[in-house]
Amino acid sequence: MRQMREYKREKTALESQVSDLNRRATFHDDHVKLIDAWFAQLIDEISVMVVGIVPTTPREFISVI
């Protein structure tokens, strides 16, 4: 019976860790997407300054699963 309670405690602790890691991964993914958008905008602005032509096709974000 004690071992079963210990397994339940361990299961609860591991589920908590998984939940925390999922939250942190989502937070990290959001930051990566923001940085990607910023770099895309920076590249577009540099190309406008160098070439003088505004890019006509919008950049699409590639989501990594």
N, C-alpha and C. Protein backbone atom coordinates (compact mmCIF):
# COMPACT_ATOMS: atom_id res chain seq x y z
N MET A 1 0.82 -1.19 0.00
CA MET A 1 0.00 0.00 0.00
C MET A 1 0.87 1.26 0.00
N ARG A 2 1.96 1.23 0.80
CA ARG A 2 2.86 2.38 0.84
C ARG A 2 3.50 2.63 -0.51
N GLN A 3 3.87 1.54 -1.18
CA GLN A 3 4.52 1.69 -2.48
C GLN A 3 3.55 2.29 -3.49
N MET A 4 2.28 1.92 -3.41
CA MET A 4 1.27 2.48 -4.32
C MET A 4 1.13 3.99 -4.06
N ARG A 5 1.12 4.41 -2.81
CA ARG A 5 1.05 5.84 -2.50
C ARG A 5 2.28 6.58 -3.02
N GLU A 6 3.44 5.94 -2.90
CA GLU A 6 4.67 6.55 -3.41
C GLU A 6 4.60 6.70 -4.93
N TYR A 7 4.07 5.69 -5.61
CA TYR A 7 3.90 5.78 -7.06
C TYR A 7 2.96 6.93 -7.43
N LYS A 8 1.89 7.08 -6.67
CA LYS A 8 0.94 8.17 -6.93
C LYS A 8 1.60 9.53 -6.72
N ARG A 9 2.40 9.66 -5.65
CA ARG A 9 3.11 10.92 -5.41
C ARG A 9 4.10 11.21 -6.55
N GLU A 10 4.80 10.18 -6.97
CA GLU A 10 5.76 10.35 -8.06
C GLU A 10 5.05 10.71 -9.36
N LYS A 11 3.90 10.08 -9.62
CA LYS A 11 3.11 10.39 -10.81
C LYS A 11 2.65 11.84 -10.78
N THR A 12 2.19 12.30 -9.64
CA THR A 12 1.74 13.69 -9.50
C THR A 12 2.90 14.66 -9.73
N ALA A 13 4.05 14.35 -9.17
CA ALA A 13 5.22 15.21 -9.35
C ALA A 13 5.65 15.25 -10.81
N LEU A 14 5.65 14.10 -11.48
CA LEU A 14 6.03 14.06 -12.89
C LEU A 14 5.03 14.79 -13.78
N GLU A 15 3.74 14.66 -13.47
CA GLU A 15 2.73 15.39 -14.24
C GLU A 15 2.91 16.89 -14.07
N SER A 16 3.27 17.32 -12.87
CA SER A 16 3.52 18.73 -12.61
C SER A 16 4.71 19.21 -13.43
N GLN A 17 5.77 18.40 -13.49
CA GLN A 17 6.95 18.76 -14.27
C GLN A 17 6.61 18.85 -15.76
N VAL A 18 5.82 17.91 -16.26
CA VAL A 18 5.42 17.93 -17.67
C VAL A 18 4.61 19.18 -17.97
N SER A 19 3.70 19.52 -17.09
CA SER A 19 2.89 20.72 -17.27
C SER A 19 3.77 21.97 -17.31
N ASP A 20 4.72 22.05 -16.40
CA ASP A 20 5.63 23.19 -16.35
C ASP A 20 6.48 23.26 -17.62
N LEU A 21 6.99 22.13 -18.07
CA LEU A 21 7.80 22.11 -19.29
C LEU A 21 6.98 22.50 -20.52
N ASN A 22 5.73 22.07 -20.58
CA ASN A 22 4.87 22.47 -21.70
C ASN A 22 4.64 23.98 -21.70
N ARG A 23 4.42 24.54 -20.54
CA ARG A 23 4.22 25.99 -20.42
C ARG A 23 5.48 26.73 -20.84
N ARG A 24 6.63 26.27 -20.39
CA ARG A 24 7.89 26.93 -20.74
C ARG A 24 8.20 26.78 -22.22
N ALA A 25 7.89 25.63 -22.81
CA ALA A 25 8.13 25.42 -24.24
C ALA A 25 7.25 26.36 -25.07
N THR A 26 6.01 26.53 -24.66
CA THR A 26 5.11 27.45 -25.37
C THR A 26 5.64 28.87 -25.28
N PHE A 27 6.10 29.26 -24.10
CA PHE A 27 6.67 30.59 -23.89
C PHE A 27 7.89 30.78 -24.79
N HIS A 28 8.75 29.76 -24.86
CA HIS A 28 9.94 29.81 -25.70
C HIS A 28 9.57 29.90 -27.18
N ASP A 29 8.61 29.11 -27.62
CA ASP A 29 8.17 29.13 -29.02
C ASP A 29 7.64 30.51 -29.41
N ASP A 30 6.89 31.13 -28.51
CA ASP A 30 6.37 32.47 -28.80
C ASP A 30 7.51 33.47 -28.99
N HIS A 31 8.54 33.37 -28.17
CA HIS A 31 9.68 34.27 -28.32
C HIS A 31 10.43 34.02 -29.62
N VAL A 32 10.59 32.76 -29.99
CA VAL A 32 11.28 32.45 -31.24
C VAL A 32 10.50 33.00 -32.43
N LYS A 33 9.18 32.88 -32.40
CA LYS A 33 8.36 33.42 -33.49
C LYS A 33 8.48 34.94 -33.57
N LEU A 34 8.53 35.59 -32.43
CA LEU A 34 8.67 37.04 -32.39
C LEU A 34 10.01 37.47 -32.97
N ILE A 35 11.07 36.78 -32.59
CA ILE A 35 12.40 37.10 -33.11
C ILE A 35 12.46 36.83 -34.61
N ASP A 36 11.84 35.76 -35.06
CA ASP A 36 11.79 35.44 -36.49
C ASP A 36 11.08 36.55 -37.27
N ALA A 37 9.99 37.04 -36.74
CA ALA A 37 9.25 38.12 -37.40
C ALA A 37 10.10 39.39 -37.43
N TRP A 38 10.80 39.66 -36.34
CA TRP A 38 11.64 40.85 -36.29
C TRP A 38 12.76 40.77 -37.33
N PHE A 39 13.41 39.61 -37.45
CA PHE A 39 14.47 39.44 -38.44
C PHE A 39 13.93 39.56 -39.86
N ALA A 40 12.75 39.01 -40.10
CA ALA A 40 12.14 39.11 -41.43
C ALA A 40 11.90 40.57 -41.78
N GLN A 41 11.39 41.33 -40.82
CA GLN A 41 11.15 42.76 -41.04
C GLN A 41 12.47 43.49 -41.26
N LEU A 42 13.49 43.15 -40.50
CA LEU A 42 14.80 43.77 -40.66
C LEU A 42 15.38 43.49 -42.04
N ILE A 43 15.26 42.25 -42.51
CA ILE A 43 15.77 41.89 -43.84
C ILE A 43 15.00 42.65 -44.91
N ASP A 44 13.69 42.77 -44.75
CA ASP A 44 12.89 43.52 -45.72
C ASP A 44 13.32 44.99 -45.77
N GLU A 45 13.56 45.58 -44.60
CA GLU A 45 13.97 46.98 -44.56
C GLU A 45 15.35 47.17 -45.17
N ILE A 46 16.25 46.24 -44.94
CA ILE A 46 17.58 46.33 -45.54
C ILE A 46 17.49 46.18 -47.05
N SER A 47 16.65 45.26 -47.52
CA SER A 47 16.52 45.09 -48.97
C SER A 47 15.91 46.33 -49.62
N VAL A 48 15.02 47.01 -48.92
CA VAL A 48 14.45 48.25 -49.45
C VAL A 48 15.53 49.32 -49.53
N MET A 49 16.37 49.39 -48.51
CA MET A 49 17.44 50.39 -48.52
C MET A 49 18.48 50.11 -49.60
N VAL A 50 18.81 48.85 -49.82
CA VAL A 50 19.85 48.49 -50.77
C VAL A 50 19.32 48.50 -52.20
N VAL A 51 18.21 47.79 -52.41
CA VAL A 51 17.67 47.63 -53.76
C VAL A 51 16.69 48.73 -54.11
N GLY A 52 15.95 49.19 -53.13
CA GLY A 52 14.96 50.24 -53.36
C GLY A 52 13.61 49.72 -53.79
N ILE A 53 13.40 48.41 -53.65
CA ILE A 53 12.13 47.80 -54.04
C ILE A 53 11.52 47.13 -52.81
N VAL A 54 10.25 47.41 -52.58
CA VAL A 54 9.54 46.79 -51.47
C VAL A 54 9.17 45.37 -51.87
N PRO A 55 9.49 44.36 -51.04
CA PRO A 55 9.11 42.97 -51.37
C PRO A 55 7.60 42.85 -51.50
N THR A 56 7.16 42.15 -52.54
CA THR A 56 5.72 42.05 -52.79
C THR A 56 5.10 40.82 -52.15
N THR A 57 5.88 39.79 -51.88
CA THR A 57 5.33 38.59 -51.28
C THR A 57 5.55 38.62 -49.78
N PRO A 58 4.50 38.39 -49.01
CA PRO A 58 4.67 38.37 -47.55
C PRO A 58 5.42 37.10 -47.13
N ARG A 59 6.20 37.24 -46.12
CA ARG A 59 6.92 36.07 -45.60
C ARG A 59 5.96 35.24 -44.76
N GLU A 60 6.07 33.93 -44.91
CA GLU A 60 5.24 33.04 -44.11
C GLU A 60 6.10 32.45 -43.00
N PHE A 61 5.49 32.32 -41.85
CA PHE A 61 6.20 31.73 -40.73
C PHE A 61 6.14 30.21 -40.86
N ILE A 62 7.27 29.61 -40.64
CA ILE A 62 7.36 28.15 -40.69
C ILE A 62 7.27 27.65 -39.27
N SER A 63 6.26 26.90 -38.96
CA SER A 63 6.12 26.38 -37.61
C SER A 63 6.79 25.02 -37.53
N VAL A 64 7.61 24.86 -36.53
CA VAL A 64 8.29 23.61 -36.30
C VAL A 64 7.53 22.85 -35.23
N ILE A 65 7.21 21.66 -35.55
CA ILE A 65 6.43 20.85 -34.59
C ILE A 65 7.38 20.08 -33.71
